[in-house]
Amino acid sequence: MGCNASKDGSQPKAIGKAAEQPAAAATTAADADKKKLPHVAQKAPYKVELKEGETYYWCSCGLSKSQPFCDGSHKGTEFNPQAFTYDKPTGDAYLCGCKNNKAESKPYCDGTHKNIDW
């Protein structure tokens, strides 16, 4: 299925102000590659509407132009998208934008961005 955002290939649209913010410059793509850290896509979560039962691919590298979803930009890095099936009723969810959240929280925002010294 690759890195499509959902089973049917449609791209969920991010909604709200978080989606309108420009990408953060805290970690450039070159710096992220050198340090083996993900690129910071933005310093806040992405508010997206997800459909119950749909499978999505969350971008873990931070390089995707389709944030917070994978577009294949991770190729050539050590990062891979994280597939997840939304198991809650259709509605808003907050997906991590800083890419530094704890493994057990991914792909959802856990507030880690509030504790990073930007």
Protein backbone atom coordinates (compact mmCIF):
# COMPACT_ATOMS: atom_id res chain seq x y z
CA MET A 1 0.00 0.00 0.00
CA GLY A 2 3.06 2.30 0.24
CA CYS A 3 2.75 5.70 1.87
CA ASN A 4 -0.77 6.63 0.88
CA ALA A 5 -2.58 8.52 3.59
CA SER A 6 -5.47 6.08 3.66
CA LYS A 7 -6.68 2.82 2.15
CA ASP A 8 -8.52 4.63 -0.63
CA GLY A 9 -5.52 6.87 -1.39
CA SER A 10 -7.24 10.10 -0.35
CA GLN A 11 -5.29 12.64 1.63
CA PRO A 12 -7.02 13.81 4.82
CA LYS A 13 -6.74 17.54 5.08
CA ALA A 14 -5.30 19.12 8.17
CA ILE A 15 -7.68 21.60 9.72
CA GLY A 16 -7.20 24.45 12.12
CA LYS A 17 -4.35 26.87 12.72
CA ALA A 18 -1.69 24.22 13.37
CA ALA A 19 -1.91 23.15 9.74
CA GLU A 20 -1.44 26.73 8.52
CA GLN A 21 1.84 27.36 10.37
CA PRO A 22 5.04 27.27 8.36
CA ALA A 23 7.53 24.48 8.97
CA ALA A 24 9.79 25.03 11.97
CA ALA A 25 13.46 25.69 11.33
CA ALA A 26 14.74 24.15 14.58
CA THR A 27 16.23 21.15 12.78
CA THR A 28 17.06 21.48 9.10
CA ALA A 29 16.91 18.44 6.87
CA ALA A 30 20.72 18.44 6.63
CA ASP A 31 21.13 18.71 10.42
CA ALA A 32 18.55 15.99 10.98
CA ASP A 33 20.40 13.66 8.63
CA LYS A 34 23.75 14.29 10.34
CA LYS A 35 22.32 13.66 13.80
CA LYS A 36 19.97 10.86 12.76
CA LEU A 37 17.13 12.93 14.19
CA PRO A 38 13.86 13.64 12.45
CA HIS A 39 13.36 17.00 10.80
CA VAL A 40 10.97 19.17 12.83
CA ALA A 41 7.98 19.70 10.56
CA GLN A 42 6.40 22.17 13.00
CA LYS A 43 6.53 22.94 16.72
CA ALA A 44 2.91 22.02 17.36
CA PRO A 45 0.58 19.14 16.56
CA TYR A 46 -1.42 18.85 13.36
CA LYS A 47 -5.17 18.85 13.90
CA VAL A 48 -6.64 16.44 11.36
CA GLU A 49 -9.95 14.72 10.84
CA LEU A 50 -9.55 10.95 10.77
CA LYS A 51 -12.10 8.32 9.77
CA GLU A 52 -12.82 5.35 12.00
CA GLY A 53 -11.34 2.14 10.58
CA GLU A 54 -9.09 3.90 8.04
CA THR A 55 -5.36 3.18 7.88
CA TYR A 56 -3.00 6.16 7.70
CA TYR A 57 0.76 6.54 7.36
CA TRP A 58 2.24 9.13 9.73
CA CYS A 59 5.46 10.79 8.60
CA SER A 60 8.22 10.06 11.14
CA CYS A 61 11.09 11.74 9.26
CA GLY A 62 9.55 15.22 9.10
CA LEU A 63 10.44 15.69 5.42
CA SER A 64 7.03 14.98 3.86
CA LYS A 65 5.35 17.82 1.99
CA SER A 66 2.01 16.21 2.97
CA GLN A 67 2.42 16.60 6.74
CA PRO A 68 1.55 14.92 8.96
CA PHE A 69 1.25 12.07 6.46
CA CYS A 70 3.97 10.29 4.51
CA ASP A 71 4.68 11.17 0.88
CA GLY A 72 7.77 8.95 0.48
CA SER A 73 10.34 11.66 1.29
CA HIS A 74 11.95 9.36 3.87
CA LYS A 75 13.56 7.25 1.13
CA GLY A 76 17.31 7.21 1.72
CA THR A 77 16.95 7.92 5.45
CA GLU A 78 16.68 5.54 8.39
CA PHE A 79 13.09 6.64 8.99
CA ASN A 80 9.93 4.82 7.95
CA PRO A 81 6.31 5.92 8.09
CA GLN A 82 4.22 4.59 10.93
CA ALA A 83 1.06 2.88 9.78
CA PHE A 84 -1.89 3.13 12.14
CA THR A 85 -5.58 2.38 11.93
CA TYR A 86 -7.81 4.96 13.57
CA ASP A 87 -9.95 3.01 16.03
CA LYS A 88 -12.02 5.87 17.45
CA PRO A 89 -15.19 7.43 16.04
CA THR A 90 -14.53 9.67 13.04
CA GLY A 91 -13.38 13.07 14.25
CA ASP A 92 -10.46 15.32 15.09
CA ALA A 93 -7.11 13.96 16.21
CA TYR A 94 -3.82 15.69 16.99
CA LEU A 95 -0.82 14.13 15.27
CA CYS A 96 2.74 14.97 16.28
CA GLY A 97 4.41 17.72 14.26
CA CYS A 98 7.75 17.94 16.11
CA LYS A 99 8.54 14.24 15.42
CA ASN A 100 10.17 13.94 18.86
CA ASN A 101 7.28 12.33 20.73
CA LYS A 102 7.75 9.16 22.75
CA ALA A 103 7.58 5.87 20.87
CA GLU A 104 4.51 4.72 22.79
CA SER A 105 2.64 7.91 21.78
CA LYS A 106 3.36 7.89 18.06
CA PRO A 107 1.73 9.11 15.90
CA TYR A 108 -0.26 11.20 18.39
CA CYS A 109 1.00 14.38 20.02
CA ASP A 110 2.06 13.79 23.62
CA GLY A 111 3.16 17.35 24.41
CA THR A 112 6.88 16.67 23.98
CA HIS A 113 7.17 19.84 21.86
CA LYS A 114 6.46 21.88 25.01
CA ASN A 115 9.61 20.51 26.69
CA ILE A 116 12.10 21.03 23.87
CA ASP A 117 14.47 23.99 24.05
CA TRP A 118 13.83 25.39 20.58
